Amino acid sequence: MTIRPTLSSRRERPARANKSGASTGTVRGAPAGEDAKPSGPPTGKIEKPENGNRSRPPREKPEIREDSGKASNPALELINANPRVFAQRGSVGATWRDYQGHALGPYYRLRYWQQGQLRQLYLGREGPRVQAVRDRLAELHQAHARHKMDDPAIS
């Protein structure tokens, strides 16, 4: 019985002829040139990327303020930077999503008008962030209503 040597990888296979009968020269994936060495089984350790098997970089964590110990709230920062805008307009609205026949939510958004366009800032699910924005808006709306009652010319 004769044992024939087998080819261990695709790169070591000889070139085949194409439909017209001409030789293609090399097999796809094979290195070009006479001095190219056939690759054998991999040796050594396989190197992993720095971030493990992830294809994207890891997400950055929210900034933590040293004085409060809580994550920053961009909605409150926006309201505090523009109190006159939010005294008259601005509300927290709930939205739901439909997924496979089920309603998901509520998800909350801060809605306000700026330069003739409705703007929305996502707040997330019910929690301290949403409640803090609601409380701040209520303060501004009450202050505006009191001021409006004192001077009816203000709209």
C-alpha atoms as a PDB file:
ATOM      1  CA  MET A   1       0.000   0.000   0.000  1.00  0.00           C
ATOM      2  CA  THR A   2       1.357   3.378  -1.033  1.00  0.00           C
ATOM      3  CA  ILE A   3       0.776   6.466   1.130  1.00  0.00           C
ATOM      4  CA  ARG A   4       0.407   9.658  -0.845  1.00  0.00           C
ATOM      5  CA  PRO A   5       1.397  12.921   0.837  1.00  0.00           C
ATOM      6  CA  THR A   6      -1.551  15.248   1.394  1.00  0.00           C
ATOM      7  CA  LEU A   7      -1.528  18.983   1.052  1.00  0.00           C
ATOM      8  CA  SER A   8      -2.305  20.598   4.402  1.00  0.00           C
ATOM      9  CA  SER A   9      -3.452  24.044   3.371  1.00  0.00           C
ATOM     10  CA  ARG A  10      -5.131  25.850   0.521  1.00  0.00           C
ATOM     11  CA  ARG A  11      -2.016  27.906  -0.215  1.00  0.00           C
ATOM     12  CA  GLU A  12       0.045  24.838  -1.092  1.00  0.00           C
ATOM     13  CA  ARG A  13      -2.297  23.606  -3.826  1.00  0.00           C
ATOM     14  CA  PRO A  14      -1.073  23.871  -7.396  1.00  0.00           C
ATOM     15  CA  ALA A  15      -2.646  26.370  -9.751  1.00  0.00           C
ATOM     16  CA  ARG A  16      -5.597  25.266 -11.876  1.00  0.00           C
ATOM     17  CA  ALA A  17      -6.532  26.142 -15.411  1.00  0.00           C
ATOM     18  CA  ASN A  18      -9.440  28.500 -15.948  1.00  0.00           C
ATOM     19  CA  LYS A  19     -12.332  27.919 -18.404  1.00  0.00           C
ATOM     20  CA  SER A  20     -10.274  28.956 -21.423  1.00  0.00           C
ATOM     21  CA  GLY A  21      -7.567  26.448 -20.544  1.00  0.00           C
ATOM     22  CA  ALA A  22      -4.945  29.015 -19.517  1.00  0.00           C
ATOM     23  CA  SER A  23      -3.212  28.601 -16.210  1.00  0.00           C
ATOM     24  CA  THR A  24      -4.081  31.177 -13.567  1.00  0.00           C
ATOM     25  CA  GLY A  25      -0.583  31.038 -12.090  1.00  0.00           C
ATOM     26  CA  THR A  26      -1.454  31.112  -8.402  1.00  0.00           C
ATOM     27  CA  VAL A  27      -4.292  30.058  -6.240  1.00  0.00           C
ATOM     28  CA  ARG A  28      -6.294  32.735  -4.460  1.00  0.00           C
ATOM     29  CA  GLY A  29      -4.630  33.466  -1.166  1.00  0.00           C
ATOM     30  CA  ALA A  30      -1.262  32.079  -2.248  1.00  0.00           C
ATOM     31  CA  PRO A  31       1.722  34.409  -2.011  1.00  0.00           C
ATOM     32  CA  ALA A  32       3.173  35.634  -5.283  1.00  0.00           C
ATOM     33  CA  GLY A  33       6.788  35.130  -6.357  1.00  0.00           C
ATOM     34  CA  GLU A  34       9.209  32.214  -6.362  1.00  0.00           C
ATOM     35  CA  ASP A  35      10.693  32.961  -2.962  1.00  0.00           C
ATOM     36  CA  ALA A  36       7.336  32.812  -1.207  1.00  0.00           C
ATOM     37  CA  LYS A  37       7.187  30.052   1.366  1.00  0.00           C
ATOM     38  CA  PRO A  38       4.103  27.973   1.872  1.00  0.00           C
ATOM     39  CA  SER A  39       2.483  28.627   5.184  1.00  0.00           C
ATOM     40  CA  GLY A  40       2.103  25.749   7.554  1.00  0.00           C
ATOM     41  CA  PRO A  41       0.023  25.422  10.627  1.00  0.00           C
ATOM     42  CA  PRO A  42       0.219  28.468  12.896  1.00  0.00           C
ATOM     43  CA  THR A  43       2.846  28.332  15.570  1.00  0.00           C
ATOM     44  CA  GLY A  44       3.172  30.352  18.717  1.00  0.00           C
ATOM     45  CA  LYS A  45       0.586  32.333  20.591  1.00  0.00           C
ATOM     46  CA  ILE A  46      -2.341  34.106  18.921  1.00  0.00           C
ATOM     47  CA  GLU A  47      -2.355  37.803  19.760  1.00  0.00           C
ATOM     48  CA  LYS A  48      -5.641  39.271  20.971  1.00  0.00           C
ATOM     49  CA  PRO A  49      -6.580  42.894  20.397  1.00  0.00           C
ATOM     50  CA  GLU A  50      -6.212  45.221  23.383  1.00  0.00           C
ATOM     51  CA  ASN A  51      -9.963  45.504  23.896  1.00  0.00           C
ATOM     52  CA  GLY A  52     -10.574  41.740  23.904  1.00  0.00           C
ATOM     53  CA  ASN A  53     -12.889  40.362  21.254  1.00  0.00           C
ATOM     54  CA  ARG A  54     -14.829  43.591  20.818  1.00  0.00           C
ATOM     55  CA  SER A  55     -14.955  45.161  17.396  1.00  0.00           C
ATOM     56  CA  ARG A  56     -15.657  48.633  18.812  1.00  0.00           C
ATOM     57  CA  PRO A  57     -13.886  50.517  21.555  1.00  0.00           C
ATOM     58  CA  PRO A  58     -15.473  50.347  25.007  1.00  0.00           C
ATOM     59  CA  ARG A  59     -18.062  53.004  25.859  1.00  0.00           C
ATOM     60  CA  GLU A  60     -16.975  55.923  27.964  1.00  0.00           C
ATOM     61  CA  LYS A  61     -18.585  56.164  31.372  1.00  0.00           C
ATOM     62  CA  PRO A  62     -20.535  59.304  32.335  1.00  0.00           C
ATOM     63  CA  GLU A  63     -18.551  62.049  33.976  1.00  0.00           C
ATOM     64  CA  ILE A  64     -18.788  62.016  37.769  1.00  0.00           C
ATOM     65  CA  ARG A  65     -18.654  65.344  39.562  1.00  0.00           C
ATOM     66  CA  GLU A  66     -16.459  65.398  42.622  1.00  0.00           C
ATOM     67  CA  ASP A  67     -18.707  67.690  44.663  1.00  0.00           C
ATOM     68  CA  SER A  68     -22.034  65.851  44.230  1.00  0.00           C
ATOM     69  CA  GLY A  69     -20.996  62.272  43.534  1.00  0.00           C
ATOM     70  CA  LYS A  70     -23.754  61.994  40.906  1.00  0.00           C
ATOM     71  CA  ALA A  71     -23.574  61.914  37.124  1.00  0.00           C
ATOM     72  CA  SER A  72     -24.153  65.233  35.370  1.00  0.00           C
ATOM     73  CA  ASN A  73     -27.605  66.032  34.009  1.00  0.00           C
ATOM     74  CA  PRO A  74     -27.371  67.811  30.624  1.00  0.00           C
ATOM     75  CA  ALA A  75     -31.079  68.684  30.725  1.00  0.00           C
ATOM     76  CA  LEU A  76     -30.734  70.541  34.034  1.00  0.00           C
ATOM     77  CA  GLU A  77     -27.634  72.307  32.759  1.00  0.00           C
ATOM     78  CA  LEU A  78     -29.579  73.445  29.681  1.00  0.00           C
ATOM     79  CA  ILE A  79     -32.520  74.648  31.778  1.00  0.00           C
ATOM     80  CA  ASN A  80     -30.269  76.521  34.210  1.00  0.00           C
ATOM     81  CA  ALA A  81     -28.384  78.154  31.328  1.00  0.00           C
ATOM     82  CA  ASN A  82     -31.649  79.400  29.723  1.00  0.00           C
ATOM     83  CA  PRO A  83     -34.196  79.954  32.512  1.00  0.00           C
ATOM     84  CA  ARG A  84     -36.209  82.572  30.582  1.00  0.00           C
ATOM     85  CA  VAL A  85     -36.816  80.161  27.716  1.00  0.00           C
ATOM     86  CA  PHE A  86     -37.965  77.365  29.994  1.00  0.00           C
ATOM     87  CA  ALA A  87     -40.082  79.624  32.244  1.00  0.00           C
ATOM     88  CA  GLN A  88     -42.656  79.990  29.452  1.00  0.00           C
ATOM     89  CA  ARG A  89     -42.096  76.812  27.462  1.00  0.00           C
ATOM     90  CA  GLY A  90     -40.679  73.456  28.124  1.00  0.00           C
ATOM     91  CA  SER A  91     -42.214  70.228  29.289  1.00  0.00           C
ATOM     92  CA  VAL A  92     -41.371  66.644  30.052  1.00  0.00           C
ATOM     93  CA  GLY A  93     -43.200  64.291  27.700  1.00  0.00           C
ATOM     94  CA  ALA A  94     -43.562  60.530  27.819  1.00  0.00           C
ATOM     95  CA  THR A  95     -43.214  58.379  24.710  1.00  0.00           C
ATOM     96  CA  TRP A  96     -43.709  54.676  24.102  1.00  0.00           C
ATOM     97  CA  ARG A  97     -42.256  52.323  21.509  1.00  0.00           C
ATOM     98  CA  ASP A  98     -44.052  49.419  19.914  1.00  0.00           C
ATOM     99  CA  TYR A  99     -42.030  46.212  19.738  1.00  0.00           C
ATOM    100  CA  GLN A 100     -43.599  43.000  18.445  1.00  0.00           C
ATOM    101  CA  GLY A 101     -47.044  44.129  19.543  1.00  0.00           C
ATOM    102  CA  HIS A 102     -45.935  45.227  23.015  1.00  0.00           C
ATOM    103  CA  ALA A 103     -45.718  48.818  24.220  1.00  0.00           C
ATOM    104  CA  LEU A 104     -42.304  49.620  25.687  1.00  0.00           C
ATOM    105  CA  GLY A 105     -41.818  52.642  27.882  1.00  0.00           C
ATOM    106  CA  PRO A 106     -42.484  55.196  28.989  1.00  0.00           C
ATOM    107  CA  TYR A 107     -39.337  56.980  27.858  1.00  0.00           C
ATOM    108  CA  TYR A 108     -39.122  60.651  28.800  1.00  0.00           C
ATOM    109  CA  ARG A 109     -37.942  63.646  26.806  1.00  0.00           C
ATOM    110  CA  LEU A 110     -37.513  67.306  27.609  1.00  0.00           C
ATOM    111  CA  ARG A 111     -39.390  69.206  24.885  1.00  0.00           C
ATOM    112  CA  TYR A 112     -38.941  72.904  24.196  1.00  0.00           C
ATOM    113  CA  TRP A 113     -39.117  75.412  21.338  1.00  0.00           C
ATOM    114  CA  GLN A 114     -35.972  77.140  20.126  1.00  0.00           C
ATOM    115  CA  GLN A 115     -35.777  79.426  17.094  1.00  0.00           C
ATOM    116  CA  GLY A 116     -39.123  78.210  15.776  1.00  0.00           C
ATOM    117  CA  GLN A 117     -38.278  74.512  15.992  1.00  0.00           C
ATOM    118  CA  LEU A 118     -39.356  71.892  18.485  1.00  0.00           C
ATOM    119  CA  ARG A 119     -36.278  70.458  20.190  1.00  0.00           C
ATOM    120  CA  GLN A 120     -36.156  67.321  22.306  1.00  0.00           C
ATOM    121  CA  LEU A 121     -33.570  66.047  24.752  1.00  0.00           C
ATOM    122  CA  TYR A 122     -33.772  62.410  25.815  1.00  0.00           C
ATOM    123  CA  LEU A 123     -34.013  61.910  29.586  1.00  0.00           C
ATOM    124  CA  GLY A 124     -34.463  58.147  29.817  1.00  0.00           C
ATOM    125  CA  ARG A 125     -36.734  56.014  31.961  1.00  0.00           C
ATOM    126  CA  GLU A 126     -38.504  57.223  35.101  1.00  0.00           C
ATOM    127  CA  GLY A 127     -35.962  58.058  37.766  1.00  0.00           C
ATOM    128  CA  PRO A 128     -34.164  60.829  39.608  1.00  0.00           C
ATOM    129  CA  ARG A 129     -33.033  62.554  36.414  1.00  0.00           C
ATOM    130  CA  VAL A 130     -36.591  62.877  35.096  1.00  0.00           C
ATOM    131  CA  GLN A 131     -37.925  63.985  38.492  1.00  0.00           C
ATOM    132  CA  ALA A 132     -35.202  66.634  38.874  1.00  0.00           C
ATOM    133  CA  VAL A 133     -36.051  68.118  35.455  1.00  0.00           C
ATOM    134  CA  ARG A 134     -39.784  68.107  36.266  1.00  0.00           C
ATOM    135  CA  ASP A 135     -39.168  69.856  39.597  1.00  0.00           C
ATOM    136  CA  ARG A 136     -36.959  72.540  38.035  1.00  0.00           C
ATOM    137  CA  LEU A 137     -39.503  73.219  35.271  1.00  0.00           C
ATOM    138  CA  ALA A 138     -42.303  73.464  37.848  1.00  0.00           C
ATOM    139  CA  GLU A 139     -40.280  76.057  39.804  1.00  0.00           C
ATOM    140  CA  LEU A 140     -39.694  78.145  36.687  1.00  0.00           C
ATOM    141  CA  HIS A 141     -43.326  77.884  35.532  1.00  0.00           C
ATOM    142  CA  GLN A 142     -44.646  78.912  38.974  1.00  0.00           C
ATOM    143  CA  ALA A 143     -42.276  81.858  39.163  1.00  0.00           C
ATOM    144  CA  HIS A 144     -43.358  82.970  35.690  1.00  0.00           C
ATOM    145  CA  ALA A 145     -47.058  82.604  36.583  1.00  0.00           C
ATOM    146  CA  ARG A 146     -46.597  84.709  39.747  1.00  0.00           C
ATOM    147  CA  HIS A 147     -44.719  87.341  37.793  1.00  0.00           C
ATOM    148  CA  LYS A 148     -47.389  87.288  35.074  1.00  0.00           C
ATOM    149  CA  MET A 149     -50.163  87.809  37.667  1.00  0.00           C
ATOM    150  CA  ASP A 150     -48.330  90.836  39.064  1.00  0.00           C
ATOM    151  CA  ASP A 151     -47.919  92.389  35.615  1.00  0.00           C
ATOM    152  CA  PRO A 152     -50.697  91.346  33.162  1.00  0.00           C
ATOM    153  CA  ALA A 153     -48.823  92.978  30.230  1.00  0.00           C
ATOM    154  CA  ILE A 154     -46.340  90.047  30.286  1.00  0.00           C
ATOM    155  CA  SER A 155     -47.394  87.191  28.076  1.00  0.00           C
END
